[in-house]
Amino acid sequence: MSTTPPAAARRATITDVAREAGTGKTSISRYLNGEMSVLSPELRARIEAAIERLDYQPNQMARGLKRGRNRLIGMLLADLTNPYSVEVLQGVEAACHALGLMPLICHAANEVEMERRYLQLLTTYRVEGVIVNALGVREETLRPVGGGGIPAVLVDRSVEGLVADMVGLDNRAAAELGTRHLLDNGFDDIWFVVQPFEQISSRQLREAAFREVMSGEGGKGREGGPGGKGEGSRTGGKGNGDKGGARGHTLVLNLAEPAAVERALAELDRAIDAVGGSGGAVSSAADNAARSATDNATDNATDNATDNATVTAAVRAIGKPSRIALFAANAPVALCLALHLKARYGVDWQARVALLSIDDPEWAELTGVTTIRQPTYEIGYRAVEFLHERIEGVQTTARDCLLPGELIIRASTSR
């Protein structure tokens, strides 16, 4: 009994299709390239029937190399597990379908070396353009794309020295929107919690906008502790503005290092416990102290203006402890904070501390967390449109397309 496997069926070629349809290879090529106007209806029908009978599958890579066009674009993503990336990708795929492009998706899993390798690989595939939403790409890494190389569009971050279009959220406006919402709702101890932002332009813009708003509300302020590269907090000064001298802090939360996360969350716990939340023991003690001051001042006050001022200040303090709020720079940070707060303070943790997040993941609605929703689908769609214009030579100068976020107010900041 023979053990030789049967020979694989030979794939049909364009010559086979031409012979089956009774025409030349030129007509078949015109049909495959969509040049239907030069073919008669009868010939088009014969070619279509021949392709179906032979199950002909054209080699798109070979055809693309021959024409100098293959309609392939690369999409480099830092983190495909992030809902933001998934939603942007939906817009990318829809635009590719509409414009006749085929995306090659590369997931770098937040590894800078993987991002570099994927960019090199995409150039070997001769993609016509690249959309980049990556973590640590720098100008030297992106040198093969943009600036005269392969056309490139950056999503939600810019790279110094690289001439390329950028599409993303208006990060400054979004951070200002969230910060002012918290201030307007009476929160006067606000922590902006962000992943390391030394090399990520979108995080830098959000953190800077937060500090600028808080400095305007609470005086010039001061900075101390580690910066955006590592971990720790930076604190803004307390002033005498209309908002009662709100304090702003930046806390760096490095989600890639569990030990660093533990240290940062411990610092946050100390701050929350010191404030006491809306019903904590510290707040009760503050209320009791204020009431005692009021009673003492009232007993001793006659027409003494100083004592009257003491009474007024004490009365204002009663029942008005500091209100603490956390402003998460993105959904992964918000999820880390929410899980930690629930584990530490129980299901009613939002009675103790407010949470607001840039990004609007599905779980935020379930837990009543206020968010700033990004136009993720539109970001992805616009990125492909920009790239297509560059591929076709329509656009030459670099552009920034900044789209507004939408504030979704929920219970977490309404208590």
Protein backbone atom coordinates (compact mmCIF):
# COMPACT_ATOMS: atom_id res chain seq x y z
CA MET A 1 0.00 0.00 0.00
CA SER A 2 1.47 3.33 -1.05
CA THR A 3 2.07 5.91 1.65
CA THR A 4 2.82 8.70 -0.79
CA PRO A 5 0.41 11.58 -0.15
CA PRO A 6 -1.64 12.74 -3.10
CA ALA A 7 -0.18 15.66 -4.98
CA ALA A 8 -1.70 18.99 -4.09
CA ALA A 9 -3.99 20.43 -6.71
CA ARG A 10 -2.24 23.05 -8.84
CA ARG A 11 -3.48 26.58 -8.25
CA ALA A 12 -5.08 28.20 -11.25
CA THR A 13 -3.10 30.99 -12.90
CA ILE A 14 -4.15 34.06 -14.84
CA THR A 15 -3.19 32.16 -18.00
CA ASP A 16 -5.64 29.39 -17.08
CA VAL A 17 -8.42 31.94 -16.56
CA ALA A 18 -7.70 33.59 -19.91
CA ARG A 19 -7.80 30.24 -21.70
CA GLU A 20 -11.05 29.24 -19.91
CA ALA A 21 -12.70 32.58 -20.75
CA GLY A 22 -11.47 32.57 -24.34
CA THR A 23 -9.63 35.88 -24.07
CA GLY A 24 -6.17 37.29 -23.37
CA LYS A 25 -4.34 37.94 -20.09
CA THR A 26 -4.66 41.69 -20.62
CA SER A 27 -8.45 41.49 -20.37
CA ILE A 28 -8.18 39.39 -17.21
CA SER A 29 -5.83 41.96 -15.64
CA ARG A 30 -8.21 44.76 -16.52
CA TYR A 31 -11.07 42.85 -14.89
CA LEU A 32 -9.03 42.22 -11.72
CA ASN A 33 -8.01 45.89 -11.56
CA GLY A 34 -11.63 47.04 -11.77
CA GLU A 35 -11.36 48.54 -15.28
CA MET A 36 -14.84 47.37 -16.21
CA SER A 37 -15.63 50.20 -18.61
CA VAL A 38 -13.21 48.83 -21.23
CA LEU A 39 -14.76 45.35 -21.12
CA SER A 40 -18.04 44.36 -22.75
CA PRO A 41 -20.77 42.94 -20.49
CA GLU A 42 -20.51 39.61 -22.30
CA LEU A 43 -16.73 39.40 -21.76
CA ARG A 44 -17.06 40.39 -18.10
CA ALA A 45 -19.59 37.57 -17.62
CA ARG A 46 -17.25 35.02 -19.26
CA ILE A 47 -14.30 36.10 -17.10
CA GLU A 48 -16.39 35.99 -13.93
CA ALA A 49 -17.62 32.48 -14.78
CA ALA A 50 -14.09 31.27 -15.54
CA ILE A 51 -12.76 32.63 -12.24
CA GLU A 52 -15.55 30.87 -10.36
CA ARG A 53 -15.08 27.53 -12.16
CA LEU A 54 -11.31 27.51 -11.60
CA ASP A 55 -11.55 28.96 -8.07
CA TYR A 56 -8.91 31.45 -9.11
CA GLN A 57 -7.32 33.45 -6.25
CA PRO A 58 -5.09 36.28 -7.47
CA ASN A 59 -1.79 36.80 -5.66
CA GLN A 60 -2.37 40.27 -4.27
CA MET A 61 1.22 40.68 -3.06
CA ALA A 62 2.63 39.89 -6.48
CA ARG A 63 0.12 42.15 -8.20
CA GLY A 64 0.93 44.93 -5.75
CA LEU A 65 4.67 44.65 -6.35
CA LYS A 66 4.12 44.73 -10.09
CA ARG A 67 1.97 47.87 -9.88
CA GLY A 68 4.00 49.46 -7.09
CA ARG A 69 0.82 49.48 -4.95
CA ASN A 70 -0.47 46.79 -2.62
CA ARG A 71 -3.13 48.71 -0.62
CA LEU A 72 -1.60 47.45 2.65
CA ILE A 73 -1.17 49.77 5.63
CA GLY A 74 0.37 48.97 8.99
CA MET A 75 -1.30 49.66 12.34
CA LEU A 76 1.06 49.56 15.32
CA LEU A 77 -0.71 49.37 18.69
CA ALA A 78 0.96 49.60 22.08
CA ASP A 79 -1.72 47.73 24.03
CA LEU A 80 -4.53 45.80 22.37
CA THR A 81 -5.98 44.93 25.79
CA ASN A 82 -6.77 48.61 26.38
CA PRO A 83 -10.40 49.37 25.41
CA TYR A 84 -9.17 52.65 23.88
CA SER A 85 -7.06 50.74 21.35
CA VAL A 86 -9.89 48.38 20.46
CA GLU A 87 -12.30 51.26 19.83
CA VAL A 88 -9.76 53.17 17.72
CA LEU A 89 -9.16 49.98 15.73
CA GLN A 90 -12.87 49.75 14.92
CA GLY A 91 -12.68 53.17 13.26
CA VAL A 92 -9.50 52.17 11.43
CA GLU A 93 -11.09 49.02 10.00
CA ALA A 94 -14.23 50.86 8.90
CA ALA A 95 -12.21 53.52 7.07
CA CYS A 96 -9.97 50.90 5.46
CA HIS A 97 -13.04 49.08 4.15
CA ALA A 98 -14.45 52.30 2.73
CA LEU A 99 -11.17 53.30 1.06
CA GLY A 100 -10.12 49.88 -0.22
CA LEU A 101 -7.17 49.45 2.16
CA MET A 102 -6.07 46.39 4.12
CA PRO A 103 -4.65 46.90 7.64
CA LEU A 104 -1.87 44.76 9.09
CA ILE A 105 -2.30 44.92 12.88
CA CYS A 106 0.84 44.75 15.04
CA HIS A 107 0.45 44.47 18.83
CA ALA A 108 3.59 45.51 20.71
CA ALA A 109 2.26 44.65 24.20
CA ASN A 110 3.76 47.83 25.68
CA GLU A 111 7.30 46.70 24.81
CA VAL A 112 9.47 49.36 23.18
CA GLU A 113 11.77 46.81 21.54
CA MET A 114 8.77 45.03 20.03
CA GLU A 115 7.55 48.34 18.61
CA ARG A 116 10.91 48.87 16.92
CA ARG A 117 10.93 45.36 15.45
CA TYR A 118 7.38 45.69 14.12
CA LEU A 119 8.17 48.99 12.41
CA GLN A 120 11.15 47.37 10.70
CA LEU A 121 8.99 44.41 9.69
CA LEU A 122 6.29 46.65 8.21
CA THR A 123 8.84 48.33 5.97
CA THR A 124 9.90 44.92 4.60
CA TYR A 125 6.26 44.21 3.74
CA ARG A 126 6.30 47.41 1.69
CA VAL A 127 3.18 48.78 3.31
CA GLU A 128 1.98 52.01 1.75
CA GLY A 129 1.63 53.77 5.09
CA VAL A 130 1.65 53.28 8.86
CA ILE A 131 -0.64 54.38 11.70
CA VAL A 132 1.23 54.45 15.01
CA ASN A 133 -0.25 54.39 18.50
CA ALA A 134 2.77 53.21 20.42
CA LEU A 135 4.30 53.62 23.85
CA GLY A 136 7.95 54.56 23.55
CA VAL A 137 8.65 55.29 19.89
CA ARG A 138 11.19 58.02 19.33
CA GLU A 139 12.31 59.95 16.29
CA GLU A 140 15.18 57.58 15.53
CA THR A 141 12.87 54.55 15.75
CA LEU A 142 10.36 56.13 13.38
CA ARG A 143 12.99 57.37 10.93
CA PRO A 144 11.95 54.83 8.22
CA VAL A 145 8.43 56.32 8.25
CA GLY A 146 7.21 59.88 7.91
CA GLY A 147 9.43 62.78 6.88
CA GLY A 148 10.00 61.51 3.33
CA GLY A 149 9.86 57.80 4.09
CA ILE A 150 6.71 55.70 4.35
CA PRO A 151 3.71 57.99 5.06
CA ALA A 152 2.76 57.91 8.74
CA VAL A 153 -0.02 59.16 11.00
CA LEU A 154 0.40 59.23 14.78
CA VAL A 155 -2.56 58.54 17.06
CA ASP A 156 -2.88 60.59 20.26
CA ARG A 157 0.79 61.42 20.63
CA SER A 158 3.47 63.38 18.85
CA VAL A 159 7.16 62.59 18.41
CA GLU A 160 9.63 65.45 18.48
CA GLY A 161 11.58 65.74 15.24
CA LEU A 162 9.16 63.64 13.17
CA VAL A 163 7.16 65.25 10.38
CA ALA A 164 3.87 63.35 10.45
CA ASP A 165 0.15 63.93 10.87
CA MET A 166 -1.35 63.42 14.34
CA VAL A 167 -4.96 62.61 15.19
CA GLY A 168 -6.22 62.36 18.75
CA LEU A 169 -7.99 63.82 21.74
CA ASP A 170 -7.49 67.47 22.64
CA ASN A 171 -5.65 66.39 25.77
CA ARG A 172 -5.23 69.84 27.28
CA ALA A 173 -8.90 70.68 26.91
CA ALA A 174 -9.96 67.29 28.30
CA ALA A 175 -7.79 67.63 31.41
CA GLU A 176 -9.00 71.19 31.96
CA LEU A 177 -12.62 70.05 31.57
CA GLY A 178 -12.25 67.31 34.18
CA THR A 179 -10.33 69.45 36.66
CA ARG A 180 -12.82 72.32 36.49
CA HIS A 181 -15.71 69.88 36.91
CA LEU A 182 -14.17 68.64 40.17
CA LEU A 183 -13.50 72.17 41.41
CA ASP A 184 -17.00 73.32 40.52
CA ASN A 185 -18.41 70.42 42.53
CA GLY A 186 -16.55 71.45 45.66
CA PHE A 187 -13.59 69.06 45.65
CA ASP A 188 -10.61 70.84 47.15
CA ASP A 189 -8.02 68.05 47.42
CA ILE A 190 -7.53 66.65 43.91
CA TRP A 191 -5.02 63.98 42.88
CA PHE A 192 -4.13 63.53 39.21
CA VAL A 193 -3.00 59.92 38.88
CA VAL A 194 -1.01 59.11 35.76
CA GLN A 195 1.38 56.50 34.42
CA PRO A 196 5.01 57.62 33.83
CA PHE A 197 4.76 60.47 31.35
CA GLU A 198 8.34 61.50 30.62
CA GLN A 199 8.19 60.28 27.00
CA ILE A 200 4.43 60.18 26.31
CA SER A 201 3.20 63.49 24.92
CA SER A 202 -0.50 62.86 25.62
CA ARG A 203 0.18 62.17 29.31
CA GLN A 204 2.46 65.20 29.53
CA LEU A 205 -0.26 67.47 28.12
CA ARG A 206 -2.91 66.13 30.50
CA GLU A 207 -0.71 66.48 33.57
CA ALA A 208 0.46 69.97 32.60
CA ALA A 209 -3.10 71.18 31.99
CA PHE A 210 -4.19 69.82 35.37
CA ARG A 211 -1.37 71.66 37.15
CA GLU A 212 -2.11 74.88 35.28
CA VAL A 213 -5.78 74.85 36.30
CA MET A 214 -4.92 74.02 39.90
CA SER A 215 -2.26 76.75 40.01
CA GLY A 216 -4.85 79.23 38.84
CA GLU A 217 -7.22 78.12 41.58
CA GLY A 218 -4.70 77.77 44.38
CA GLY A 219 -1.91 80.24 43.81
CA LYS A 220 1.39 79.69 42.05
CA GLY A 221 2.08 76.43 43.86
CA ARG A 222 5.24 74.42 44.36
CA GLU A 223 6.56 71.12 43.12
CA GLY A 224 8.39 68.41 44.99
CA GLY A 225 9.11 64.71 44.90
CA PRO A 226 9.81 62.49 41.88
CA GLY A 227 8.68 63.60 38.46
CA GLY A 228 6.98 61.96 35.53
CA LYS A 229 9.67 59.36 34.94
CA GLY A 230 9.33 57.31 38.09
CA GLU A 231 6.85 57.38 40.92
CA GLY A 232 5.62 59.60 43.74
CA SER A 233 3.66 62.82 43.88
CA ARG A 234 3.99 66.48 43.10
CA THR A 235 1.88 68.91 45.08
CA GLY A 236 0.52 72.29 44.13
CA GLY A 237 0.29 75.08 46.70
CA LYS A 238 -2.82 76.14 48.55
CA GLY A 239 -4.17 79.58 47.85
CA ASN A 240 -7.06 81.83 48.73
CA GLY A 241 -9.16 81.76 45.56
CA ASP A 242 -12.90 81.46 45.24
CA LYS A 243 -12.60 77.68 45.38
CA GLY A 244 -11.32 77.85 48.94
CA GLY A 245 -7.66 77.20 48.10
CA ALA A 246 -7.94 73.79 46.46
CA ARG A 247 -4.82 71.65 46.45
CA GLY A 248 -3.63 69.68 43.45
CA HIS A 249 -1.26 66.71 43.47
CA THR A 250 0.24 64.56 40.71
CA LEU A 251 0.76 60.90 41.60
CA VAL A 252 2.74 58.68 39.20
CA LEU A 253 1.41 55.12 39.07
CA ASN A 254 3.69 52.76 37.16
CA LEU A 255 1.37 49.87 36.34
CA ALA A 256 4.25 47.84 34.92
CA GLU A 257 5.94 47.57 38.34
CA PRO A 258 3.80 46.02 41.14
CA ALA A 259 6.12 47.26 43.89
CA ALA A 260 5.88 50.83 42.58
CA VAL A 261 2.09 50.54 42.38
CA GLU A 262 1.97 49.38 46.00
CA ARG A 263 4.06 52.33 47.17
CA ALA A 264 2.02 54.87 45.21
CA LEU A 265 -1.30 53.48 46.46
CA ALA A 266 0.00 53.53 50.04
CA GLU A 267 0.75 57.24 49.62
CA LEU A 268 -2.76 57.76 48.30
CA ASP A 269 -4.26 55.81 51.22
CA ARG A 270 -2.50 58.06 53.70
CA ALA A 271 -3.91 61.13 51.98
CA ILE A 272 -7.46 59.71 51.92
CA ASP A 273 -7.28 58.64 55.56
CA ALA A 274 -5.95 62.05 56.57
CA VAL A 275 -8.88 63.79 54.91
CA GLY A 276 -11.28 61.19 56.24
CA GLY A 277 -13.72 61.32 53.35
CA SER A 278 -17.25 62.61 53.63
CA GLY A 279 -18.00 60.56 56.73
CA GLY A 280 -14.64 59.58 58.21
CA ALA A 281 -13.40 59.88 61.77
CA VAL A 282 -11.02 62.66 60.86
CA SER A 283 -13.90 64.68 59.46
CA SER A 284 -15.91 64.15 62.63
CA ALA A 285 -12.98 65.27 64.73
CA ALA A 286 -12.61 68.37 62.59
CA ASP A 287 -16.31 69.13 62.98
CA ASN A 288 -16.08 68.73 66.77
CA ALA A 289 -13.06 71.00 66.92
CA ALA A 290 -14.85 73.60 64.84
CA ARG A 291 -17.95 73.45 67.03
CA SER A 292 -15.77 73.80 70.14
CA ALA A 293 -14.09 76.84 68.67
CA THR A 294 -17.49 78.31 67.88
CA ASP A 295 -18.76 77.75 71.43
CA ASN A 296 -15.64 79.23 73.00
CA ALA A 297 -15.62 82.22 70.71
CA THR A 298 -19.33 82.87 71.29
CA ASP A 299 -18.89 82.76 75.09
CA ASN A 300 -16.06 85.28 75.00
CA ALA A 301 -17.34 87.54 72.25
CA THR A 302 -19.12 90.78 72.97
CA ASP A 303 -18.34 93.55 70.55
CA ASN A 304 -14.83 92.29 69.87
CA ALA A 305 -14.34 92.19 66.08
CA THR A 306 -11.55 89.63 66.31
CA ASP A 307 -13.75 87.20 68.21
CA ASN A 308 -16.57 87.73 65.72
CA ALA A 309 -14.19 86.84 62.89
CA THR A 310 -13.21 83.68 64.78
CA VAL A 311 -16.88 82.71 65.11
CA THR A 312 -17.48 83.25 61.40
CA ALA A 313 -14.47 81.16 60.39
CA ALA A 314 -15.43 78.35 62.76
CA VAL A 315 -19.03 78.27 61.57
CA ARG A 316 -17.86 77.96 57.99
CA ALA A 317 -15.65 75.02 58.96
CA ILE A 318 -18.48 73.02 60.56
CA GLY A 319 -19.59 70.16 58.36
CA LYS A 320 -17.25 71.18 55.53
CA PRO A 321 -14.20 68.89 55.64
CA SER A 322 -11.87 68.69 52.66
CA ARG A 323 -13.37 66.74 49.78
CA ILE A 324 -10.89 64.49 48.02
CA ALA A 325 -11.12 63.41 44.38
CA LEU A 326 -8.94 61.27 42.14
CA PHE A 327 -8.54 62.21 38.48
CA ALA A 328 -7.30 59.15 36.52
CA ALA A 329 -5.37 59.96 33.34
CA ASN A 330 -6.79 56.92 31.52
CA ALA A 331 -8.93 53.81 31.92
CA PRO A 332 -6.19 51.37 33.09
CA VAL A 333 -5.26 53.78 35.89
CA ALA A 334 -8.93 54.27 36.80
CA LEU A 335 -9.51 50.51 36.99
CA CYS A 336 -6.47 50.03 39.23
CA LEU A 337 -7.71 52.78 41.55
CA ALA A 338 -11.31 51.50 41.64
CA LEU A 339 -10.26 47.94 42.47
CA HIS A 340 -7.89 49.14 45.20
CA LEU A 341 -10.43 51.50 46.77
CA LYS A 342 -13.12 48.80 46.80
CA ALA A 343 -10.72 46.34 48.44
CA ARG A 344 -9.65 48.87 51.07
CA TYR A 345 -12.87 50.74 51.85
CA GLY A 346 -15.59 48.33 50.71
CA VAL A 347 -18.43 48.73 48.24
CA ASP A 348 -19.25 52.22 49.53
CA TRP A 349 -15.78 53.57 48.73
CA GLN A 350 -17.29 56.36 46.61
CA ALA A 351 -18.81 57.87 49.76
CA ARG A 352 -15.23 58.48 50.84
CA VAL A 353 -13.46 59.57 47.65
CA ALA A 354 -14.59 60.66 44.17
CA LEU A 355 -13.18 59.25 40.94
CA LEU A 356 -13.09 60.78 37.46
CA SER A 357 -11.36 59.25 34.45
CA ILE A 358 -10.31 60.19 30.97
CA ASP A 359 -11.66 57.31 28.81
CA ASP A 360 -15.12 55.82 29.23
CA PRO A 361 -14.80 52.02 29.61
CA GLU A 362 -17.99 49.97 29.89
CA TRP A 363 -17.44 49.23 33.58
CA ALA A 364 -17.51 52.97 34.40
CA GLU A 365 -21.24 53.18 33.74
CA LEU A 366 -21.86 50.13 35.93
CA THR A 367 -19.97 51.66 38.85
CA GLY A 368 -21.20 55.22 38.34
CA VAL A 369 -17.78 56.72 37.62
CA THR A 370 -17.69 60.11 35.91
CA THR A 371 -15.63 60.04 32.72
CA ILE A 372 -14.44 62.06 29.77
CA ARG A 373 -15.37 60.03 26.71
CA GLN A 374 -12.91 60.09 23.84
CA PRO A 375 -14.16 60.06 20.21
CA THR A 376 -12.17 56.86 19.65
CA TYR A 377 -14.01 55.62 16.55
CA GLU A 378 -13.64 59.02 14.88
CA ILE A 379 -9.96 59.15 15.83
CA GLY A 380 -9.33 55.84 14.07
CA TYR A 381 -11.40 56.79 11.02
CA ARG A 382 -9.74 60.19 10.65
CA ALA A 383 -6.28 58.64 11.00
CA VAL A 384 -6.91 56.39 8.00
CA GLU A 385 -8.36 59.29 5.99
CA PHE A 386 -5.26 61.38 6.72
CA LEU A 387 -2.98 58.47 5.78
CA HIS A 388 -4.89 57.85 2.55
CA GLU A 389 -4.47 61.49 1.56
CA ARG A 390 -0.73 61.23 2.13
CA ILE A 391 -0.49 57.98 0.16
CA GLU A 392 -2.32 59.61 -2.76
CA GLY A 393 -0.12 62.71 -2.55
CA VAL A 394 -3.02 65.02 -1.73
CA GLN A 395 -1.44 66.38 1.47
CA THR A 396 2.15 67.52 1.98
CA THR A 397 2.31 69.58 5.20
CA ALA A 398 1.94 67.94 8.62
CA ARG A 399 -1.40 68.39 10.39
CA ASP A 400 -2.73 67.98 13.92
CA CYS A 401 -6.39 66.98 14.30
CA LEU A 402 -7.47 67.47 17.92
CA LEU A 403 -10.95 66.22 18.76
CA PRO A 404 -12.95 67.22 21.87
CA GLY A 405 -13.82 64.87 24.71
CA GLU A 406 -17.32 64.59 26.21
CA LEU A 407 -17.87 64.88 29.97
CA ILE A 408 -20.16 62.07 31.20
CA ILE A 409 -21.28 63.03 34.71
CA ARG A 410 -22.19 60.14 36.99
CA ALA A 411 -22.67 59.57 40.71
CA SER A 412 -18.98 59.41 41.63
CA THR A 413 -18.59 63.20 41.44
CA SER A 414 -22.17 64.17 42.31
CA ARG A 415 -22.25 63.17 45.98
